[in-house]
N, C-alpha and C. Protein backbone atom coordinates (compact mmCIF):
# COMPACT_ATOMS: atom_id res chain seq x y z
N MET A 1 14.08 9.74 -14.04
CA MET A 1 13.94 8.32 -13.84
C MET A 1 14.17 7.94 -12.38
N TRP A 2 15.19 8.55 -11.75
CA TRP A 2 15.47 8.20 -10.36
C TRP A 2 14.35 8.65 -9.43
N ALA A 3 13.73 9.78 -9.73
CA ALA A 3 12.63 10.26 -8.88
C ALA A 3 11.46 9.29 -8.93
N ARG A 4 11.17 8.76 -10.10
CA ARG A 4 10.08 7.78 -10.22
C ARG A 4 10.45 6.48 -9.52
N ALA A 5 11.71 6.09 -9.58
CA ALA A 5 12.15 4.86 -8.91
C ALA A 5 12.01 5.00 -7.40
N PHE A 6 12.46 6.14 -6.86
CA PHE A 6 12.34 6.34 -5.42
C PHE A 6 10.89 6.53 -5.00
N ALA A 7 10.05 7.05 -5.89
CA ALA A 7 8.62 7.14 -5.59
C ALA A 7 8.01 5.75 -5.48
N GLY A 8 8.46 4.84 -6.29
CA GLY A 8 7.99 3.46 -6.18
C GLY A 8 8.47 2.78 -4.93
N ILE A 9 9.65 3.19 -4.44
CA ILE A 9 10.22 2.55 -3.26
C ILE A 9 9.60 3.10 -1.98
N VAL A 10 9.62 4.40 -1.79
CA VAL A 10 9.22 4.98 -0.49
C VAL A 10 7.70 5.04 -0.33
N PRO A 11 6.98 5.90 -1.08
CA PRO A 11 5.53 5.89 -0.87
C PRO A 11 4.89 4.61 -1.42
N GLY A 12 5.57 3.96 -2.36
CA GLY A 12 5.06 2.69 -2.87
C GLY A 12 5.04 1.62 -1.79
N PHE A 13 6.05 1.64 -0.92
CA PHE A 13 6.09 0.72 0.22
C PHE A 13 4.89 0.94 1.13
N LEU A 14 4.64 2.21 1.45
CA LEU A 14 3.51 2.54 2.34
C LEU A 14 2.17 2.22 1.68
N LEU A 15 2.05 2.50 0.40
CA LEU A 15 0.83 2.18 -0.32
C LEU A 15 0.59 0.67 -0.34
N SER A 16 1.63 -0.08 -0.58
CA SER A 16 1.50 -1.54 -0.60
C SER A 16 1.10 -2.07 0.77
N ALA A 17 1.70 -1.52 1.81
CA ALA A 17 1.35 -1.94 3.17
C ALA A 17 -0.12 -1.63 3.47
N GLY A 18 -0.58 -0.46 3.06
CA GLY A 18 -1.98 -0.10 3.28
C GLY A 18 -2.94 -0.98 2.51
N LEU A 19 -2.63 -1.25 1.25
CA LEU A 19 -3.51 -2.09 0.44
C LEU A 19 -3.58 -3.52 0.96
N VAL A 20 -2.44 -4.08 1.30
CA VAL A 20 -2.43 -5.45 1.82
C VAL A 20 -3.08 -5.50 3.20
N GLY A 21 -2.89 -4.47 3.99
CA GLY A 21 -3.56 -4.40 5.29
C GLY A 21 -5.07 -4.36 5.15
N LEU A 22 -5.56 -3.57 4.22
CA LEU A 22 -7.00 -3.52 3.98
C LEU A 22 -7.52 -4.87 3.50
N LEU A 23 -6.76 -5.54 2.65
CA LEU A 23 -7.17 -6.83 2.13
C LEU A 23 -7.20 -7.89 3.23
N THR A 24 -6.18 -7.92 4.05
CA THR A 24 -6.14 -8.96 5.09
C THR A 24 -7.21 -8.74 6.15
N TRP A 25 -7.54 -7.49 6.44
CA TRP A 25 -8.60 -7.24 7.41
C TRP A 25 -9.98 -7.43 6.80
N ALA A 26 -10.09 -7.39 5.48
CA ALA A 26 -11.39 -7.59 4.83
C ALA A 26 -11.76 -9.07 4.76
N LEU A 27 -10.77 -9.94 4.83
CA LEU A 27 -11.05 -11.37 4.76
C LEU A 27 -11.73 -11.84 6.05
N PRO A 28 -12.58 -12.86 5.96
CA PRO A 28 -13.23 -13.36 7.17
C PRO A 28 -12.24 -14.07 8.08
N GLY A 29 -12.54 -14.03 9.35
CA GLY A 29 -11.68 -14.69 10.33
C GLY A 29 -10.66 -13.73 10.90
N PRO A 30 -9.86 -14.21 11.84
CA PRO A 30 -8.86 -13.34 12.46
C PRO A 30 -7.74 -13.00 11.49
N TRP A 31 -7.19 -11.80 11.62
CA TRP A 31 -6.14 -11.36 10.71
C TRP A 31 -4.86 -12.16 10.91
N GLN A 32 -4.68 -12.77 12.09
CA GLN A 32 -3.48 -13.54 12.34
C GLN A 32 -3.36 -14.75 11.41
N GLY A 33 -4.49 -15.23 10.94
CA GLY A 33 -4.47 -16.36 10.02
C GLY A 33 -4.03 -15.99 8.61
N THR A 34 -3.97 -14.73 8.31
CA THR A 34 -3.58 -14.30 6.96
C THR A 34 -2.20 -13.65 6.92
N ILE A 35 -1.45 -13.75 8.01
CA ILE A 35 -0.18 -13.03 8.08
C ILE A 35 0.84 -13.52 7.06
N VAL A 36 0.97 -14.82 6.87
CA VAL A 36 1.96 -15.34 5.92
C VAL A 36 1.55 -14.99 4.49
N ALA A 37 0.29 -15.20 4.16
CA ALA A 37 -0.18 -14.84 2.82
C ALA A 37 -0.08 -13.33 2.60
N GLY A 38 -0.32 -12.55 3.64
CA GLY A 38 -0.21 -11.10 3.52
C GLY A 38 1.20 -10.64 3.26
N ILE A 39 2.18 -11.28 3.92
CA ILE A 39 3.58 -10.91 3.69
C ILE A 39 3.99 -11.25 2.27
N ILE A 40 3.58 -12.40 1.79
CA ILE A 40 3.91 -12.78 0.41
C ILE A 40 3.23 -11.84 -0.58
N ALA A 41 1.96 -11.54 -0.34
CA ALA A 41 1.23 -10.63 -1.23
C ALA A 41 1.81 -9.23 -1.19
N PHE A 42 2.34 -8.82 -0.04
CA PHE A 42 2.91 -7.49 0.08
C PHE A 42 4.04 -7.28 -0.93
N PHE A 43 4.94 -8.24 -1.04
CA PHE A 43 6.06 -8.09 -1.97
C PHE A 43 5.58 -8.07 -3.41
N VAL A 44 4.57 -8.85 -3.74
CA VAL A 44 4.03 -8.85 -5.10
C VAL A 44 3.40 -7.49 -5.42
N VAL A 45 2.63 -6.96 -4.48
CA VAL A 45 1.99 -5.66 -4.68
C VAL A 45 3.04 -4.56 -4.75
N TRP A 46 4.06 -4.62 -3.90
CA TRP A 46 5.11 -3.60 -3.90
C TRP A 46 5.86 -3.58 -5.23
N ILE A 47 6.19 -4.75 -5.77
CA ILE A 47 6.86 -4.81 -7.06
C ILE A 47 5.96 -4.24 -8.16
N ALA A 48 4.67 -4.53 -8.10
CA ALA A 48 3.72 -3.98 -9.08
C ALA A 48 3.64 -2.47 -8.98
N VAL A 49 3.63 -1.93 -7.76
CA VAL A 49 3.58 -0.48 -7.58
C VAL A 49 4.88 0.16 -8.07
N MET A 50 6.01 -0.49 -7.80
CA MET A 50 7.28 0.05 -8.29
C MET A 50 7.30 0.08 -9.82
N GLY A 51 6.79 -0.96 -10.44
CA GLY A 51 6.72 -0.97 -11.90
C GLY A 51 5.77 0.08 -12.43
N ALA A 52 4.66 0.26 -11.75
CA ALA A 52 3.67 1.25 -12.18
C ALA A 52 4.17 2.67 -12.00
N SER A 53 5.11 2.89 -11.10
CA SER A 53 5.62 4.24 -10.87
C SER A 53 6.34 4.79 -12.11
N PHE A 54 6.82 3.91 -12.97
CA PHE A 54 7.50 4.37 -14.19
C PHE A 54 6.51 4.76 -15.28
N GLN A 55 5.23 4.56 -15.06
CA GLN A 55 4.23 4.95 -16.05
C GLN A 55 3.85 6.43 -15.92
N PHE A 56 4.27 7.07 -14.84
CA PHE A 56 3.96 8.49 -14.68
C PHE A 56 4.86 9.33 -15.58
N ALA A 57 4.36 10.49 -15.95
CA ALA A 57 5.10 11.36 -16.86
C ALA A 57 6.33 11.98 -16.21
N SER A 58 6.26 12.21 -14.90
CA SER A 58 7.40 12.83 -14.21
C SER A 58 7.50 12.26 -12.80
N GLY A 59 8.63 12.54 -12.19
CA GLY A 59 8.83 12.09 -10.82
C GLY A 59 7.92 12.80 -9.83
N LYS A 60 7.63 14.07 -10.10
CA LYS A 60 6.74 14.82 -9.21
C LYS A 60 5.34 14.22 -9.20
N ARG A 61 4.86 13.85 -10.37
CA ARG A 61 3.53 13.23 -10.43
C ARG A 61 3.52 11.88 -9.73
N ALA A 62 4.58 11.10 -9.91
CA ALA A 62 4.66 9.80 -9.26
C ALA A 62 4.66 9.97 -7.75
N TRP A 63 5.47 10.90 -7.25
CA TRP A 63 5.50 11.14 -5.81
C TRP A 63 4.15 11.63 -5.31
N ALA A 64 3.52 12.53 -6.04
CA ALA A 64 2.24 13.09 -5.60
C ALA A 64 1.15 12.02 -5.55
N TRP A 65 1.00 11.27 -6.62
CA TRP A 65 -0.05 10.26 -6.67
C TRP A 65 0.18 9.12 -5.68
N LEU A 66 1.39 8.60 -5.66
CA LEU A 66 1.66 7.47 -4.76
C LEU A 66 1.60 7.90 -3.29
N SER A 67 2.06 9.10 -2.99
CA SER A 67 1.95 9.60 -1.62
C SER A 67 0.50 9.80 -1.21
N ALA A 68 -0.30 10.38 -2.10
CA ALA A 68 -1.71 10.60 -1.80
C ALA A 68 -2.44 9.28 -1.60
N LEU A 69 -2.17 8.31 -2.47
CA LEU A 69 -2.82 7.00 -2.33
C LEU A 69 -2.36 6.28 -1.07
N ALA A 70 -1.11 6.44 -0.69
CA ALA A 70 -0.61 5.83 0.54
C ALA A 70 -1.30 6.45 1.75
N ILE A 71 -1.46 7.76 1.74
CA ILE A 71 -2.14 8.44 2.85
C ILE A 71 -3.58 7.98 2.95
N VAL A 72 -4.24 7.83 1.82
CA VAL A 72 -5.64 7.37 1.82
C VAL A 72 -5.75 5.94 2.34
N SER A 73 -4.87 5.05 1.88
CA SER A 73 -4.97 3.65 2.31
C SER A 73 -4.63 3.50 3.79
N LEU A 74 -3.59 4.16 4.24
CA LEU A 74 -3.25 4.06 5.66
C LEU A 74 -4.28 4.81 6.52
N GLY A 75 -4.83 5.89 5.99
CA GLY A 75 -5.90 6.58 6.70
C GLY A 75 -7.15 5.72 6.84
N ALA A 76 -7.46 4.97 5.80
CA ALA A 76 -8.61 4.06 5.86
C ALA A 76 -8.38 2.98 6.92
N LEU A 77 -7.17 2.47 7.00
CA LEU A 77 -6.86 1.48 8.04
C LEU A 77 -7.01 2.09 9.43
N TRP A 78 -6.53 3.32 9.58
CA TRP A 78 -6.63 3.98 10.88
C TRP A 78 -8.09 4.23 11.26
N VAL A 79 -8.92 4.67 10.30
CA VAL A 79 -10.33 4.92 10.57
C VAL A 79 -11.05 3.62 10.94
N LEU A 80 -10.77 2.55 10.21
CA LEU A 80 -11.40 1.27 10.54
C LEU A 80 -11.01 0.79 11.93
N GLN A 81 -9.77 1.01 12.31
CA GLN A 81 -9.35 0.62 13.64
C GLN A 81 -9.95 1.54 14.70
N TRP A 82 -10.04 2.81 14.41
CA TRP A 82 -10.62 3.77 15.36
C TRP A 82 -12.11 3.49 15.59
N LEU A 83 -12.81 3.07 14.53
CA LEU A 83 -14.21 2.73 14.65
C LEU A 83 -14.44 1.34 15.26
N ARG A 84 -13.36 0.63 15.51
CA ARG A 84 -13.39 -0.74 16.07
C ARG A 84 -14.08 -1.71 15.14
N TRP A 85 -14.00 -1.47 13.84
CA TRP A 85 -14.55 -2.42 12.87
C TRP A 85 -13.57 -3.54 12.62
N VAL A 86 -12.30 -3.27 12.89
CA VAL A 86 -11.26 -4.30 12.79
C VAL A 86 -10.41 -4.22 14.04
N GLU A 87 -9.80 -5.33 14.38
CA GLU A 87 -8.90 -5.33 15.54
C GLU A 87 -7.66 -6.10 15.23
């Protein structure tokens, strides 16, 4: 149980940051206009990810899946910034 809880906290935090970052940069207009809504949405998404981490069968699976998804979401943000599609 503790492994799944910490999986929701640590990689779940990074996954939530990546997902909210992708969402705020996908919206039209400058990203600075979505900062307050993004911060509020971040906590909602993070709580949802923490709750979802308890649906995994084991802590190892929770860490593996959430870490992999966090790497993908943050990697997508990095690629979009590297390609200069977002600033």
